[in-house]
Protein backbone atom coordinates (compact mmCIF):
# COMPACT_ATOMS: atom_id res chain seq x y z
CA MET A 1 9.80 22.63 9.16
CA SER A 2 11.73 21.40 6.15
CA ARG A 3 12.71 17.76 6.30
CA THR A 4 13.85 14.88 4.11
CA VAL A 5 11.84 11.66 4.08
CA LEU A 6 12.59 8.32 2.47
CA VAL A 7 9.60 6.56 0.93
CA THR A 8 10.33 2.95 0.05
CA GLY A 9 8.07 1.32 -2.51
CA GLY A 10 7.25 4.80 -3.77
CA ALA A 11 6.49 3.67 -7.32
CA GLY A 12 3.77 1.30 -6.16
CA PHE A 13 0.08 2.07 -5.76
CA ILE A 14 -0.01 3.47 -2.22
CA GLY A 15 3.57 4.74 -2.41
CA SER A 16 3.17 6.81 -5.58
CA ASN A 17 0.01 8.37 -4.17
CA LEU A 18 1.86 9.09 -0.90
CA VAL A 19 4.77 10.74 -2.72
CA ARG A 20 2.33 12.93 -4.63
CA LEU A 21 0.48 13.85 -1.41
CA LEU A 22 3.73 14.77 0.36
CA ARG A 23 4.84 16.99 -2.52
CA ARG A 24 1.44 18.70 -2.48
CA GLU A 25 0.91 19.00 1.29
CA ARG A 26 4.54 19.52 2.40
CA PRO A 27 6.11 21.34 -0.58
CA ASP A 28 9.30 22.28 1.32
CA TRP A 29 10.10 18.63 2.06
CA THR A 30 12.45 16.54 -0.05
CA VAL A 31 11.16 13.06 -0.86
CA VAL A 32 13.72 10.35 -1.62
CA ASN A 33 11.86 7.55 -3.37
CA LEU A 34 13.43 4.08 -3.35
CA ASP A 35 11.74 1.39 -5.42
CA LYS A 36 13.03 -1.84 -6.89
CA LEU A 37 10.55 -1.61 -9.80
CA THR A 38 9.44 -5.21 -9.50
CA TYR A 39 6.21 -6.12 -11.31
CA ALA A 40 4.01 -3.79 -9.21
CA GLY A 41 6.40 -0.81 -9.15
CA ASN A 42 5.67 1.48 -12.07
CA ALA A 43 7.89 4.49 -12.73
CA GLU A 44 5.26 5.73 -15.15
CA SER A 45 3.04 6.44 -12.14
CA LEU A 46 5.54 9.16 -11.17
CA ALA A 47 5.84 10.73 -14.63
CA ASP A 48 4.46 14.08 -13.46
CA LEU A 49 7.24 14.31 -10.83
CA ARG A 50 10.11 13.50 -13.16
CA ASP A 51 11.48 17.06 -13.21
CA ASP A 52 10.62 17.90 -9.59
CA PRO A 53 13.93 18.76 -7.83
CA LYS A 54 12.47 17.78 -4.44
CA HIS A 55 11.57 14.29 -5.63
CA VAL A 56 14.65 12.06 -5.88
CA PHE A 57 13.91 8.71 -7.48
CA VAL A 58 16.33 5.83 -6.90
CA ARG A 59 15.91 2.38 -8.37
CA GLY A 60 17.07 -0.14 -5.80
CA ASP A 61 16.28 -2.79 -3.21
CA ILE A 62 15.61 -2.15 0.49
CA ALA A 63 17.59 -5.35 1.16
CA ASN A 64 20.73 -3.67 -0.25
CA ALA A 65 22.28 -2.44 3.00
CA GLU A 66 25.04 -0.44 1.32
CA LEU A 67 22.58 1.45 -0.87
CA VAL A 68 20.13 2.14 1.94
CA GLU A 69 22.88 3.38 4.28
CA HIS A 70 24.22 5.65 1.52
CA LEU A 71 20.79 7.16 0.82
CA LEU A 72 20.01 7.82 4.47
CA ARG A 73 23.33 9.54 5.14
CA ASN A 74 23.87 11.25 1.79
CA HIS A 75 20.43 12.88 1.80
CA GLY A 76 20.22 13.49 5.55
CA VAL A 77 17.00 11.49 5.82
CA ASP A 78 15.26 12.05 9.13
CA ALA A 79 12.11 9.95 8.58
CA VAL A 80 11.23 6.74 6.74
CA PHE A 81 7.92 5.49 5.35
CA ASN A 82 8.42 1.79 4.60
CA LEU A 83 5.89 0.75 1.99
CA ALA A 84 8.22 -1.55 0.04
CA ALA A 85 6.63 -4.99 0.05
CA GLU A 86 5.51 -7.89 -2.01
CA SER A 87 1.81 -7.46 -1.43
CA HIS A 88 -0.45 -9.81 -3.34
CA VAL A 89 -1.86 -12.78 -1.44
CA ASP A 90 -2.29 -14.93 -4.56
CA ARG A 91 1.36 -14.44 -5.52
CA SER A 92 2.46 -15.34 -1.97
CA ILE A 93 0.66 -18.66 -2.30
CA LEU A 94 2.45 -19.40 -5.58
CA GLY A 95 5.90 -18.28 -4.38
CA PRO A 96 6.33 -17.46 -0.67
CA GLY A 97 10.13 -17.05 -0.68
CA ILE A 98 10.35 -13.55 -2.13
CA PHE A 99 7.81 -12.35 0.44
CA VAL A 100 10.14 -13.35 3.26
CA GLU A 101 13.15 -11.83 1.49
CA THR A 102 11.56 -8.44 0.84
CA ASN A 103 9.00 -8.03 3.61
CA VAL A 104 11.04 -9.50 6.47
CA SER A 105 14.75 -9.39 5.59
CA GLY A 106 14.39 -6.14 3.64
CA THR A 107 12.60 -4.46 6.53
CA GLN A 108 15.31 -5.58 8.95
CA VAL A 109 18.02 -4.11 6.70
CA LEU A 110 16.10 -0.85 6.53
CA LEU A 111 15.55 -0.74 10.30
CA GLU A 112 19.24 -1.34 11.00
CA ALA A 113 20.31 1.35 8.55
CA ALA A 114 17.82 3.78 10.09
CA ARG A 115 19.15 3.02 13.55
CA GLN A 116 22.75 3.54 12.49
CA ALA A 117 21.93 6.79 10.67
CA GLY A 118 19.98 8.28 13.57
CA VAL A 119 16.66 8.51 11.71
CA LYS A 120 14.15 10.32 13.91
CA ARG A 121 11.04 8.31 13.00
CA PHE A 122 10.37 5.05 11.15
CA VAL A 123 6.80 4.45 9.98
CA GLN A 124 6.17 0.79 9.15
CA ILE A 125 3.16 0.48 6.86
CA SER A 126 1.31 -2.79 7.35
CA THR A 127 -2.07 -4.40 6.74
CA ASP A 128 -5.17 -5.56 8.61
CA GLU A 129 -4.47 -9.02 7.18
CA VAL A 130 -1.97 -9.65 9.99
CA TYR A 131 -4.98 -10.20 12.28
CA GLY A 132 -6.39 -13.06 10.22
CA SER A 133 -10.12 -13.49 9.61
CA LEU A 134 -13.05 -12.10 11.60
CA GLY A 135 -16.40 -13.68 12.31
CA ALA A 136 -19.68 -12.06 11.34
CA SER A 137 -19.36 -9.29 13.94
CA GLY A 138 -16.70 -7.24 15.70
CA LYS A 139 -13.67 -5.34 14.46
CA PHE A 140 -9.91 -5.63 14.72
CA SER A 141 -8.34 -3.38 17.33
CA GLU A 142 -4.64 -2.77 17.89
CA THR A 143 -4.72 -5.34 20.69
CA SER A 144 -6.26 -8.10 18.56
CA PRO A 145 -3.97 -11.14 18.38
CA LEU A 146 -1.90 -11.55 15.25
CA SER A 147 -3.16 -14.58 13.32
CA PRO A 148 -2.02 -14.28 9.70
CA SER A 149 -3.46 -16.74 7.19
CA SER A 150 -1.23 -16.40 4.12
CA PRO A 151 2.53 -16.21 3.51
CA TYR A 152 1.98 -12.53 2.61
CA SER A 153 0.25 -11.61 5.87
CA ALA A 154 2.68 -13.74 7.91
CA SER A 155 5.62 -11.85 6.39
CA LYS A 156 3.97 -8.50 7.18
CA ALA A 157 3.29 -9.56 10.78
CA ALA A 158 6.94 -10.55 11.14
CA ALA A 159 8.03 -7.15 9.78
CA ASP A 160 5.74 -5.33 12.22
CA LEU A 161 7.20 -7.26 15.16
CA LEU A 162 10.75 -6.58 13.98
CA ALA A 163 10.01 -2.87 13.76
CA LEU A 164 8.48 -2.75 17.25
CA ALA A 165 11.40 -4.81 18.59
CA TYR A 166 13.86 -2.26 17.16
CA GLY A 167 11.98 0.35 19.12
CA HIS A 168 12.02 -1.65 22.33
CA THR A 169 15.58 -2.94 22.05
CA PHE A 170 17.46 -0.10 20.38
CA GLY A 171 15.29 2.93 21.04
CA LEU A 172 14.47 3.55 17.38
CA ASP A 173 11.36 5.73 17.15
CA VAL A 174 8.92 3.38 15.38
CA VAL A 175 5.24 3.74 14.55
CA VAL A 176 3.29 0.91 12.88
CA THR A 177 0.13 1.44 10.84
CA ARG A 178 -2.24 -1.32 9.74
CA CYS A 179 -4.74 -0.39 7.06
CA SER A 180 -7.78 -1.97 5.48
CA ASN A 181 -8.21 -2.46 1.73
CA ASN A 182 -7.18 0.54 -0.38
CA TYR A 183 -8.65 1.66 -3.67
CA GLY A 184 -7.99 4.60 -6.00
CA PRO A 185 -5.83 5.66 -8.97
CA TYR A 186 -2.60 3.91 -10.02
CA GLN A 187 -3.52 0.55 -8.44
CA PHE A 188 -1.95 -2.46 -10.16
CA PRO A 189 -4.75 -4.13 -12.14
CA GLU A 190 -4.56 -7.52 -10.47
CA LYS A 191 -6.34 -6.20 -7.38
CA LEU A 192 -10.11 -6.50 -7.13
CA ILE A 193 -11.38 -3.04 -8.11
CA PRO A 194 -9.01 -2.16 -10.99
CA LEU A 195 -9.14 -5.76 -12.29
CA MET A 196 -12.92 -5.65 -12.50
CA ILE A 197 -12.93 -2.19 -14.11
CA ALA A 198 -10.33 -3.18 -16.71
CA ASN A 199 -12.02 -6.48 -17.54
CA ALA A 200 -15.41 -4.80 -17.88
CA LEU A 201 -13.98 -2.14 -20.18
CA GLU A 202 -12.48 -4.88 -22.34
CA GLY A 203 -15.68 -6.94 -22.33
CA LYS A 204 -14.00 -9.79 -20.46
CA LYS A 205 -15.44 -11.93 -17.66
CA LEU A 206 -15.10 -10.62 -14.09
CA PRO A 207 -13.72 -13.49 -11.96
CA VAL A 208 -15.19 -13.57 -8.44
CA TYR A 209 -13.74 -15.99 -5.88
CA GLY A 210 -16.24 -18.49 -4.46
CA ASP A 211 -19.61 -16.99 -3.53
CA GLY A 212 -18.21 -13.44 -3.49
CA LEU A 213 -19.44 -12.83 0.05
CA GLN A 214 -15.98 -12.17 1.49
CA ILE A 215 -16.25 -8.81 3.27
CA ARG A 216 -13.58 -6.12 3.15
CA ASP A 217 -13.33 -2.68 4.78
CA TRP A 218 -12.47 -0.18 2.00
CA ILE A 219 -10.61 3.13 2.28
CA HIS A 220 -9.53 5.55 -0.42
CA VAL A 221 -5.76 5.66 -0.85
CA GLU A 222 -5.69 9.43 -0.24
CA ASP A 223 -7.41 9.03 3.14
CA HIS A 224 -4.89 6.30 4.01
CA ASN A 225 -1.97 8.50 3.05
CA ARG A 226 -3.26 11.45 5.06
CA ALA A 227 -3.26 9.08 8.03
CA LEU A 228 0.35 8.09 7.30
CA LEU A 229 1.40 11.74 7.29
CA ALA A 230 -0.45 12.23 10.58
CA ALA A 231 1.27 9.14 12.03
CA LEU A 232 4.65 10.62 11.12
CA GLU A 233 3.90 14.02 12.62
CA LYS A 234 1.59 13.18 15.55
CA GLY A 235 1.88 9.46 16.31
CA ARG A 236 3.16 8.20 19.65
CA GLU A 237 6.49 6.39 19.60
CA GLY A 238 6.10 2.62 19.74
CA GLN A 239 2.39 2.78 18.94
CA VAL A 240 0.30 0.79 16.46
CA TYR A 241 -2.51 2.57 14.61
CA ASN A 242 -5.30 0.77 12.76
CA LEU A 243 -6.59 2.71 9.75
CA GLY A 244 -10.00 2.11 8.22
CA ALA A 245 -13.08 3.96 7.03
CA ASP A 246 -15.90 1.89 8.61
CA ASN A 247 -16.87 0.88 5.11
CA GLU A 248 -17.55 -2.85 4.81
CA TRP A 249 -18.72 -4.41 1.55
CA PRO A 250 -18.99 -7.98 0.24
CA ASN A 251 -16.85 -8.42 -2.87
CA ILE A 252 -19.85 -9.32 -5.03
CA GLN A 253 -21.57 -6.03 -4.18
CA ILE A 254 -18.42 -4.09 -5.13
CA VAL A 255 -18.30 -5.89 -8.47
CA SER A 256 -22.01 -5.28 -9.10
CA ARG A 257 -21.68 -1.58 -8.30
CA LEU A 258 -18.71 -1.22 -10.66
CA LEU A 259 -20.76 -2.78 -13.45
CA GLU A 260 -23.59 -0.33 -12.72
CA ILE A 261 -21.25 2.67 -12.89
CA LEU A 262 -19.81 1.39 -16.18
CA GLY A 263 -23.22 0.59 -17.62
CA LYS A 264 -22.35 -3.10 -18.05
CA GLY A 265 -24.46 -6.19 -17.35
CA ARG A 266 -24.08 -8.71 -14.53
CA GLU A 267 -23.67 -11.49 -17.09
CA LEU A 268 -19.97 -10.59 -17.13
CA ILE A 269 -19.59 -11.95 -13.57
CA GLU A 270 -17.99 -15.39 -13.41
CA HIS A 271 -17.66 -17.23 -10.12
CA VAL A 272 -14.36 -19.13 -9.88
CA LYS A 273 -12.84 -21.55 -7.37
CA ASP A 274 -11.99 -19.82 -4.09
CA ARG A 275 -8.34 -19.33 -3.25
CA PRO A 276 -6.69 -21.36 -0.43
CA GLY A 277 -7.07 -19.92 3.06
CA HIS A 278 -9.22 -17.01 1.87
CA ASP A 279 -10.09 -14.86 4.90
CA ARG A 280 -13.83 -14.31 5.16
CA ARG A 281 -14.08 -10.87 6.71
CA TYR A 282 -11.86 -7.96 7.76
CA ALA A 283 -13.05 -4.87 9.61
CA ILE A 284 -10.97 -2.21 11.32
CA ASP A 285 -11.56 -0.16 14.47
CA ALA A 286 -9.71 3.10 13.77
CA ALA A 287 -10.78 4.86 16.99
CA ARG A 288 -7.19 5.25 18.23
CA ALA A 289 -6.05 6.93 15.01
CA ARG A 290 -9.05 9.24 15.05
CA ALA A 291 -8.44 10.23 18.67
CA GLU A 292 -4.65 10.52 18.73
CA LEU A 293 -3.85 11.63 15.18
CA GLY A 294 -6.76 13.98 14.67
CA TRP A 295 -7.49 12.10 11.47
CA ALA A 296 -10.70 10.95 9.82
CA PRO A 297 -11.40 9.71 6.30
CA ARG A 298 -12.84 12.40 4.04
CA ILE A 299 -13.84 10.58 0.86
CA ALA A 300 -17.25 8.92 0.80
CA PHE A 301 -17.17 5.49 -0.82
CA SER A 302 -19.83 6.30 -3.44
CA GLN A 303 -17.88 9.38 -4.50
CA GLY A 304 -14.48 7.66 -4.34
CA LEU A 305 -15.60 4.62 -6.30
CA GLU A 306 -17.08 6.71 -9.12
CA ALA A 307 -13.92 8.87 -9.24
CA THR A 308 -11.78 5.72 -9.37
CA VAL A 309 -13.78 4.27 -12.25
CA ASP A 310 -13.49 7.62 -14.03
CA TRP A 311 -9.69 7.61 -13.55
CA TYR A 312 -9.33 4.13 -15.09
CA VAL A 313 -11.59 5.11 -17.99
CA ARG A 314 -9.53 8.27 -18.64
CA ASN A 315 -6.17 6.52 -18.13
CA ARG A 316 -6.79 3.42 -20.18
CA GLY A 317 -3.32 3.66 -21.70
CA TRP A 318 -1.73 3.40 -18.24
CA TRP A 319 -3.38 0.14 -17.25
CA GLU A 320 -3.22 -1.34 -20.74
CA ARG A 321 0.57 -0.88 -20.66
CA VAL A 322 0.60 -2.57 -17.25
CA ARG A 323 -1.44 -5.49 -18.53
CA THR A 324 0.85 -6.01 -21.53
CA GLY A 325 4.06 -5.44 -19.57
CA ALA A 326 4.98 -2.40 -21.71
CA TYR A 327 5.10 -0.21 -18.59
CA ARG A 328 8.41 -1.86 -17.68
CA THR A 329 10.20 0.03 -20.47
CA TYR A 330 9.29 3.47 -19.12
CA TYR A 331 12.16 3.66 -16.65
CA GLU A 332 14.81 2.69 -19.16
CA ARG A 333 13.37 5.05 -21.78
CA ASN A 334 13.22 8.06 -19.44
CA TYR A 335 15.95 7.43 -16.89
CA GLY A 336 18.31 4.92 -18.46
CA THR A 337 20.65 7.51 -19.98
CA ARG A 338 20.81 9.76 -16.94
C-alpha cells in the first residue's frame, strides 16, 4: 500500500538512517523529511537522496504550527515518525531550555497538527533514559516507573506522556517506542562511539567519564529503524514498545574494543571527571516488541561495531566537516538556490 509518511528530525543520525531504510524497504512510499538543521542535523547525510522524487526535504521547525499543518495537509501525510529532538545529555545540562522548547512544546505542536489533519498513526520515538538508572541487575520494562535524571530525559518523558494523552483524550492513534543506545553510520561525533573513533584516528586522547564502568545496552541503528517500521505497521494503538538488543557493555570495554579494531594503544584513554547525574546502567527488556511486532535485532555487535569503525574510516571527510562546522554549508550550497 502506497502511503506518505512524515519523518521529523530526518537529517539526524537515527532519522537519516530511517529515511534511507524507508526508501529501500518501502519504495512506493513518499517520505516528507522535516528537519531544523540545528547542530546535529546534517543535510549532507542525505546527499544520496537529493534527486529522489519520493524524498521531500523541508528545512523547518516542528514547533512551527503553520508549517507543520501545511506539510501534513499538502502532502496528504497519513503517518508521522517523530524523531526531532535535542538529544545530548551533556548539552541539556549546559542549556536545558531548548530541550523543553523542542522536545516538549514541539511535540505538542506536532501532535495537535496530526490530530487536526486526521493522521492515521503517530509514532513517538523516545529513549530508555526516561526510566532513570538501573541497579546491577534487572531490565526496564514498559511498566517500569518513569524516573528521568537529566533535563534531556525529563523532556523526553514529558513528550511521551503528551503523546499518550493525545491518544487517550482525543483518540489519536499513538505508539511510543523507547530504545537503548544506538550506534552506526552518520552519528554525530560527540556521542561515545564516533567520538572515540574520530579521536583515535586523529591521535587524540579518548575522554572516558569517571571509571568508565557505566553500562549501556547497544543496538545498531538499522535494527532500531526496522523496529520503528514494524511499530508503524504492526504496533497496537496506545502501546509502548521497548527496543533493545540484549547487548550490555561497560563504556570502558567499548572504548578498548574500538582501539583494538583500529590498532591503537590503550595509552590514548584519558579518564575525566564524571558528568552530573550520570546514570550508572541501562538495560532494556524488548520482549513485547519481539512478540507483538515480529521483530528481532539482526546485527551482531561484533559485526556491527567493526562495520561502524570501517564506515568512519572510509568517510573521514564527513565527520571532519562535522567537527569543523563545515557541514553546515552543505544545505545552502546545494539547496539554497532552489
